[in-house]
Protein backbone atom coordinates (compact mmCIF):
# COMPACT_ATOMS: atom_id res chain seq x y z
CA MET A 1 -64.01 -13.86 -58.03
CA THR A 2 -60.54 -14.02 -59.71
CA HIS A 3 -58.57 -17.18 -59.49
CA MET A 4 -55.14 -16.69 -58.08
CA THR A 5 -52.35 -18.58 -59.97
CA THR A 6 -49.23 -19.29 -57.82
CA GLN A 7 -45.83 -20.42 -58.97
CA LEU A 8 -42.84 -21.81 -57.20
CA ALA A 9 -39.38 -20.31 -57.16
CA THR A 10 -36.36 -22.10 -55.60
CA PHE A 11 -33.06 -20.39 -54.56
CA ALA A 12 -29.90 -21.66 -52.85
CA GLY A 13 -28.00 -18.79 -51.17
CA GLY A 14 -25.95 -20.32 -48.48
CA CYS A 15 -27.46 -20.67 -44.90
CA PHE A 16 -31.16 -20.94 -45.53
CA TRP A 17 -31.92 -19.16 -42.25
CA CYS A 18 -30.78 -15.93 -43.86
CA MET A 19 -32.70 -16.51 -47.10
CA VAL A 20 -36.20 -16.52 -45.72
CA LYS A 21 -36.70 -13.01 -44.29
CA PRO A 22 -35.93 -10.93 -47.47
CA PHE A 23 -38.66 -12.77 -49.42
CA ASP A 24 -41.08 -13.49 -46.55
CA GLU A 25 -42.08 -9.90 -46.12
CA GLN A 26 -42.96 -9.04 -49.78
CA PRO A 27 -46.47 -8.56 -51.17
CA GLY A 28 -47.50 -11.52 -53.26
CA ILE A 29 -45.30 -14.02 -51.38
CA ILE A 30 -47.58 -16.76 -50.09
CA SER A 31 -44.98 -18.83 -48.33
CA VAL A 32 -41.21 -19.31 -47.93
CA ARG A 33 -40.01 -22.74 -46.85
CA SER A 34 -36.44 -23.75 -45.97
CA GLY A 35 -35.30 -27.05 -47.33
CA TYR A 36 -32.88 -29.13 -49.26
CA THR A 37 -32.59 -29.78 -53.03
CA GLY A 38 -30.26 -30.83 -55.82
CA GLY A 39 -28.71 -33.87 -53.99
CA SER A 40 -28.96 -37.61 -54.25
CA VAL A 41 -30.11 -38.58 -50.68
CA LYS A 42 -33.90 -39.09 -50.42
CA ASP A 43 -35.49 -37.33 -47.47
CA PRO A 44 -32.24 -35.86 -46.05
CA THR A 45 -31.91 -34.64 -42.60
CA TYR A 46 -30.22 -31.36 -41.61
CA GLN A 47 -27.26 -33.36 -40.31
CA GLN A 48 -26.82 -35.20 -43.57
CA VAL A 49 -26.99 -31.94 -45.59
CA LYS A 50 -24.76 -29.90 -43.14
CA SER A 51 -22.16 -32.68 -43.44
CA GLY A 52 -21.90 -31.83 -47.23
CA GLU A 53 -22.25 -35.67 -47.99
CA SER A 54 -25.85 -35.62 -49.34
CA GLY A 55 -25.07 -33.49 -52.45
CA HIS A 56 -28.02 -31.18 -51.54
CA TYR A 57 -28.01 -27.41 -51.38
CA GLU A 58 -29.67 -25.58 -48.38
CA ALA A 59 -32.35 -23.64 -50.25
CA VAL A 60 -35.65 -21.80 -49.94
CA GLN A 61 -38.77 -22.58 -51.85
CA ILE A 62 -41.10 -19.70 -52.42
CA THR A 63 -44.77 -19.88 -53.38
CA PHE A 64 -45.65 -16.55 -54.96
CA ASP A 65 -48.33 -14.80 -56.95
CA PRO A 66 -46.58 -13.62 -60.20
CA GLU A 67 -49.18 -10.89 -60.79
CA LEU A 68 -48.26 -9.27 -57.52
CA PHE A 69 -44.54 -10.19 -57.38
CA PRO A 70 -43.15 -11.13 -60.75
CA TYR A 71 -40.45 -13.77 -60.99
CA GLU A 72 -38.05 -11.22 -62.41
CA LYS A 73 -38.39 -9.16 -59.17
CA LEU A 74 -37.73 -12.38 -57.10
CA VAL A 75 -34.51 -13.08 -59.00
CA THR A 76 -33.34 -9.38 -58.57
CA LEU A 77 -34.05 -9.67 -54.82
CA TYR A 78 -32.14 -13.03 -54.80
CA TRP A 79 -29.01 -11.54 -56.30
CA GLN A 80 -28.93 -8.95 -53.51
CA GLN A 81 -28.72 -11.63 -50.77
CA ILE A 82 -25.66 -13.48 -51.92
CA ASP A 83 -22.07 -13.34 -53.12
CA PRO A 84 -22.56 -14.82 -56.58
CA THR A 85 -18.71 -14.94 -57.21
CA ASP A 86 -18.00 -17.51 -54.46
CA ASP A 87 -18.23 -21.20 -55.43
CA GLY A 88 -17.04 -22.57 -52.16
CA GLY A 89 -20.10 -21.58 -50.08
CA GLN A 90 -21.39 -18.29 -48.74
CA PHE A 91 -19.58 -16.06 -46.28
CA ILE A 92 -18.53 -17.95 -43.18
CA ASP A 93 -20.49 -21.11 -44.25
CA ARG A 94 -18.20 -23.21 -46.37
CA GLY A 95 -18.95 -26.46 -48.33
CA SER A 96 -21.01 -27.55 -51.33
CA GLN A 97 -24.29 -27.41 -49.38
CA TYR A 98 -23.83 -23.60 -49.21
CA ARG A 99 -23.28 -22.94 -52.84
CA THR A 100 -25.57 -20.62 -54.74
CA ALA A 101 -28.06 -21.67 -57.47
CA ILE A 102 -31.28 -20.61 -59.07
CA PHE A 103 -33.43 -23.65 -59.60
CA TYR A 104 -35.97 -22.95 -62.38
CA HIS A 105 -39.44 -24.68 -62.58
CA ASN A 106 -40.25 -23.85 -66.15
CA GLU A 107 -38.78 -22.58 -69.43
CA GLU A 108 -39.79 -18.98 -68.73
CA GLN A 109 -38.05 -19.03 -65.30
CA LYS A 110 -34.93 -20.53 -66.89
CA GLN A 111 -34.74 -17.75 -69.44
CA VAL A 112 -35.39 -14.96 -66.86
CA ALA A 113 -32.68 -16.45 -64.59
CA GLU A 114 -30.05 -16.77 -67.46
CA VAL A 115 -30.79 -13.25 -68.80
CA SER A 116 -30.57 -11.90 -65.23
CA LYS A 117 -27.16 -13.68 -64.68
CA VAL A 118 -25.68 -12.27 -67.87
CA LYS A 119 -26.93 -8.82 -66.74
CA MET A 120 -25.39 -9.26 -63.29
CA GLU A 121 -22.01 -10.18 -64.92
CA GLN A 122 -22.18 -7.17 -67.24
CA GLU A 123 -23.72 -4.50 -64.95
CA GLY A 124 -23.61 -5.90 -61.41
CA PRO A 125 -21.28 -4.65 -58.61
CA PHE A 126 -18.89 -7.61 -58.88
CA LYS A 127 -15.50 -7.70 -60.32
CA ASP A 128 -15.12 -11.50 -60.30
CA PRO A 129 -17.07 -13.87 -62.52
CA ILE A 130 -20.58 -14.94 -61.42
CA VAL A 131 -20.46 -18.64 -60.43
CA THR A 132 -24.07 -19.05 -59.37
CA GLN A 133 -25.65 -21.81 -61.41
CA VAL A 134 -29.04 -21.86 -63.10
CA LEU A 135 -30.23 -25.50 -62.69
CA GLU A 136 -33.46 -27.31 -63.29
CA ALA A 137 -35.60 -27.75 -60.14
CA SER A 138 -35.60 -31.23 -58.65
CA THR A 139 -37.26 -32.64 -55.58
CA PHE A 140 -37.43 -30.14 -52.70
CA TYR A 141 -37.32 -31.64 -49.20
CA GLU A 142 -38.69 -29.30 -46.58
CA ALA A 143 -36.29 -28.93 -43.64
CA GLU A 144 -37.25 -29.77 -40.15
CA GLU A 145 -39.69 -27.49 -38.33
CA GLU A 146 -37.16 -25.67 -36.23
CA HIS A 147 -35.54 -24.38 -39.37
CA GLN A 148 -38.73 -22.83 -40.71
CA LYS A 149 -38.96 -18.99 -40.23
CA PHE A 150 -35.89 -19.16 -38.05
CA TYR A 151 -35.62 -15.40 -38.06
CA LYS A 152 -38.99 -15.16 -36.24
CA LYS A 153 -38.37 -18.04 -33.75
CA ASN A 154 -34.83 -17.10 -32.87
CA PRO A 155 -34.44 -13.36 -33.67
CA GLU A 156 -31.31 -12.92 -31.55
CA LYS A 157 -29.49 -15.93 -33.06
CA TYR A 158 -30.66 -14.88 -36.51
CA LYS A 159 -29.21 -11.32 -36.05
CA GLN A 160 -25.88 -12.80 -34.75
CA GLU A 161 -25.67 -15.23 -37.73
CA GLN A 162 -26.31 -12.38 -40.11
CA GLU A 163 -23.49 -10.20 -38.54
CA GLU A 164 -20.92 -12.87 -37.71
CA SER A 165 -21.21 -14.63 -41.04
CA GLY A 166 -20.21 -11.45 -42.87
CA ARG A 167 -23.47 -11.52 -44.98
CA LYS A 168 -24.92 -8.31 -43.57
CA ASP A 169 -21.73 -6.28 -44.25
CA PHE A 170 -21.34 -7.78 -47.76
CA ILE A 171 -24.91 -6.83 -48.72
CA THR A 172 -24.54 -3.35 -47.29
CA SER A 173 -21.24 -2.66 -49.13
CA HIS A 174 -22.60 -3.98 -52.47
CA TRP A 175 -26.22 -2.91 -52.60
CA GLU A 176 -26.87 0.02 -50.21
């Protein structure tokens, strides 16, 4: 019997509701949890983070099997979910809690993320500079249960959020 080794990947890409589904349905992804990271408030609530006062990013933390879904592939998929040129939030969601960042969990992830960012600046579909930060992972606080797998629990609201926020059109125009 082979021993499965898992790793964590943490990404901030604006509203975390929209960041779960793209990763959740991939082979080798064990779990995708919505939560908060990068701020100063211990055990923040959704209200505290949404207010922008906690310093946290809305983020997703992914547990994955790197043999089935390598970290490089996760980072590539991440870039295709966001506008990495916007430092004021993502799409309709404005504020520091909606900024983009790749939070690395080890030196290898840091290098992969930084190389990928340079490649995105040089070869990606964006004219403006890439402002997504590559930051060391810190404590990740899981969001309240109603925010987990939101796309499955509230499919209509999820679809509406994707369309009204401008995220869906942006992704289509840059990547499809």
